[in-house]
Amino acid sequence: MTEKKEIIIKNYMEDIVRKNLNEQLEKRDDLCKCELCKNDIFAYSLNHLPPKYVVTDKGHIYTKLQEMEFQFNADVTREVLKAIEFVKKNKRHE
């Protein structure tokens, strides 16, 4: 009898955006870095980027290779920076 493996579907874009966001936040001293603002930036970025769902290790490897492409990184950085500016101007707290 074979065991069934649990299938996990993950939006790999979340990892990519989180990494990029953390890199951008380290460089900036002009914005709020509270959890609410960071989560708003994270969500805004993800809503403006295509999802990258993976199920298998093969899918994970394909997405990792795509992540290394210059244009892919530029797209993620552009959206994270747009999100930072949007949240900076529209904070949901004082």
C-alpha atoms as a PDB file:
ATOM      1  CA  MET A   1       0.000   0.000   0.000  1.00  0.00           C
ATOM      2  CA  THR A   2       1.443   3.360  -0.984  1.00  0.00           C
ATOM      3  CA  GLU A   3       1.171   6.425   1.185  1.00  0.00           C
ATOM      4  CA  LYS A   4      -0.473   9.487  -0.229  1.00  0.00           C
ATOM      5  CA  LYS A   5       1.719  12.546  -0.087  1.00  0.00           C
ATOM      6  CA  GLU A   6       0.093  15.788   0.933  1.00  0.00           C
ATOM      7  CA  ILE A   7      -0.073  18.116  -2.038  1.00  0.00           C
ATOM      8  CA  ILE A   8       0.887  21.651  -1.194  1.00  0.00           C
ATOM      9  CA  ILE A   9       0.220  24.443  -3.638  1.00  0.00           C
ATOM     10  CA  LYS A  10       2.203  27.588  -2.977  1.00  0.00           C
ATOM     11  CA  ASN A  11       2.334  30.987  -4.596  1.00  0.00           C
ATOM     12  CA  TYR A  12       6.111  31.289  -4.895  1.00  0.00           C
ATOM     13  CA  MET A  13       5.666  34.985  -5.715  1.00  0.00           C
ATOM     14  CA  GLU A  14       5.059  35.510  -1.979  1.00  0.00           C
ATOM     15  CA  ASP A  15       8.629  34.416  -1.204  1.00  0.00           C
ATOM     16  CA  ILE A  16      10.085  36.549  -3.978  1.00  0.00           C
ATOM     17  CA  VAL A  17       8.143  39.666  -2.957  1.00  0.00           C
ATOM     18  CA  ARG A  18       8.906  39.162   0.744  1.00  0.00           C
ATOM     19  CA  LYS A  19      12.637  38.928  -0.001  1.00  0.00           C
ATOM     20  CA  ASN A  20      12.571  41.975  -2.262  1.00  0.00           C
ATOM     21  CA  LEU A  21      10.472  43.950   0.228  1.00  0.00           C
ATOM     22  CA  ASN A  22      12.896  43.215   3.055  1.00  0.00           C
ATOM     23  CA  GLU A  23      15.804  44.338   0.858  1.00  0.00           C
ATOM     24  CA  GLN A  24      14.007  47.583   0.003  1.00  0.00           C
ATOM     25  CA  LEU A  25      13.041  48.296   3.620  1.00  0.00           C
ATOM     26  CA  GLU A  26      16.658  47.908   4.737  1.00  0.00           C
ATOM     27  CA  LYS A  27      17.614  50.728   2.348  1.00  0.00           C
ATOM     28  CA  ARG A  28      14.889  53.155   3.452  1.00  0.00           C
ATOM     29  CA  ASP A  29      14.632  55.384   6.495  1.00  0.00           C
ATOM     30  CA  ASP A  30      11.769  57.526   5.208  1.00  0.00           C
ATOM     31  CA  LEU A  31       8.796  55.256   5.831  1.00  0.00           C
ATOM     32  CA  CYS A  32       6.931  53.406   8.519  1.00  0.00           C
ATOM     33  CA  LYS A  33       8.034  49.801   8.947  1.00  0.00           C
ATOM     34  CA  CYS A  34       5.320  48.627  11.334  1.00  0.00           C
ATOM     35  CA  GLU A  35       3.658  45.265  10.631  1.00  0.00           C
ATOM     36  CA  LEU A  36       0.497  46.913   9.260  1.00  0.00           C
ATOM     37  CA  CYS A  37       2.434  48.984   6.708  1.00  0.00           C
ATOM     38  CA  LYS A  38       4.700  46.072   5.756  1.00  0.00           C
ATOM     39  CA  ASN A  39       1.670  43.820   5.226  1.00  0.00           C
ATOM     40  CA  ASP A  40      -0.070  46.515   3.170  1.00  0.00           C
ATOM     41  CA  ILE A  41       3.025  46.878   0.969  1.00  0.00           C
ATOM     42  CA  PHE A  42       3.266  43.097   0.652  1.00  0.00           C
ATOM     43  CA  ALA A  43      -0.398  42.696  -0.333  1.00  0.00           C
ATOM     44  CA  TYR A  44      -0.329  45.659  -2.745  1.00  0.00           C
ATOM     45  CA  SER A  45       2.739  44.206  -4.471  1.00  0.00           C
ATOM     46  CA  LEU A  46       1.223  40.729  -4.785  1.00  0.00           C
ATOM     47  CA  ASN A  47      -2.002  42.159  -6.192  1.00  0.00           C
ATOM     48  CA  HIS A  48      -0.036  43.820  -8.982  1.00  0.00           C
ATOM     49  CA  LEU A  49       2.131  40.843  -9.939  1.00  0.00           C
ATOM     50  CA  PRO A  50       1.151  37.557 -11.573  1.00  0.00           C
ATOM     51  CA  PRO A  51       1.053  34.589  -9.195  1.00  0.00           C
ATOM     52  CA  LYS A  52       3.664  31.856  -9.567  1.00  0.00           C
ATOM     53  CA  TYR A  53       2.083  28.702  -8.183  1.00  0.00           C
ATOM     54  CA  VAL A  54       4.251  25.639  -7.630  1.00  0.00           C
ATOM     55  CA  VAL A  55       3.345  22.116  -6.607  1.00  0.00           C
ATOM     56  CA  THR A  56       6.412  20.003  -7.272  1.00  0.00           C
ATOM     57  CA  ASP A  57      10.143  20.414  -6.826  1.00  0.00           C
ATOM     58  CA  LYS A  58      10.368  20.691 -10.602  1.00  0.00           C
ATOM     59  CA  GLY A  59       7.972  23.647 -10.529  1.00  0.00           C
ATOM     60  CA  HIS A  60       9.970  25.188  -7.727  1.00  0.00           C
ATOM     61  CA  ILE A  61      13.167  24.886  -9.759  1.00  0.00           C
ATOM     62  CA  TYR A  62      11.520  26.407 -12.849  1.00  0.00           C
ATOM     63  CA  THR A  63      10.266  29.374 -10.844  1.00  0.00           C
ATOM     64  CA  LYS A  64      13.666  29.817  -9.190  1.00  0.00           C
ATOM     65  CA  LEU A  65      15.291  29.997 -12.631  1.00  0.00           C
ATOM     66  CA  GLN A  66      12.726  32.523 -13.771  1.00  0.00           C
ATOM     67  CA  GLU A  67      13.405  34.576 -10.642  1.00  0.00           C
ATOM     68  CA  MET A  68      16.994  35.014 -11.792  1.00  0.00           C
ATOM     69  CA  GLU A  69      15.960  36.675 -15.030  1.00  0.00           C
ATOM     70  CA  PHE A  70      16.722  40.383 -15.058  1.00  0.00           C
ATOM     71  CA  GLN A  71      13.282  41.488 -16.285  1.00  0.00           C
ATOM     72  CA  PHE A  72      11.515  39.338 -13.705  1.00  0.00           C
ATOM     73  CA  ASN A  73      13.508  40.942 -10.886  1.00  0.00           C
ATOM     74  CA  ALA A  74      12.935  44.387 -12.359  1.00  0.00           C
ATOM     75  CA  ASP A  75       9.169  43.780 -12.448  1.00  0.00           C
ATOM     76  CA  VAL A  76       9.096  42.668  -8.813  1.00  0.00           C
ATOM     77  CA  THR A  77      11.251  45.606  -7.685  1.00  0.00           C
ATOM     78  CA  ARG A  78       9.098  48.064  -9.629  1.00  0.00           C
ATOM     79  CA  GLU A  79       5.899  46.808  -7.999  1.00  0.00           C
ATOM     80  CA  VAL A  80       7.412  46.742  -4.504  1.00  0.00           C
ATOM     81  CA  LEU A  81       8.625  50.336  -4.906  1.00  0.00           C
ATOM     82  CA  LYS A  82       5.206  51.423  -6.205  1.00  0.00           C
ATOM     83  CA  ALA A  83       3.596  49.712  -3.220  1.00  0.00           C
ATOM     84  CA  ILE A  84       5.979  51.428  -0.803  1.00  0.00           C
ATOM     85  CA  GLU A  85       5.092  54.846  -2.216  1.00  0.00           C
ATOM     86  CA  PHE A  86       1.357  54.077  -2.213  1.00  0.00           C
ATOM     87  CA  VAL A  87       1.344  52.898   1.405  1.00  0.00           C
ATOM     88  CA  LYS A  88       3.612  55.770   2.470  1.00  0.00           C
ATOM     89  CA  LYS A  89       1.026  58.229   1.118  1.00  0.00           C
ATOM     90  CA  ASN A  90      -1.999  56.253   2.340  1.00  0.00           C
ATOM     91  CA  LYS A  91      -1.075  54.870   5.767  1.00  0.00           C
ATOM     92  CA  ARG A  92      -3.953  53.295   7.650  1.00  0.00           C
ATOM     93  CA  HIS A  93      -2.728  54.695  10.962  1.00  0.00           C
ATOM     94  CA  GLU A  94      -1.339  57.930  12.402  1.00  0.00           C
END
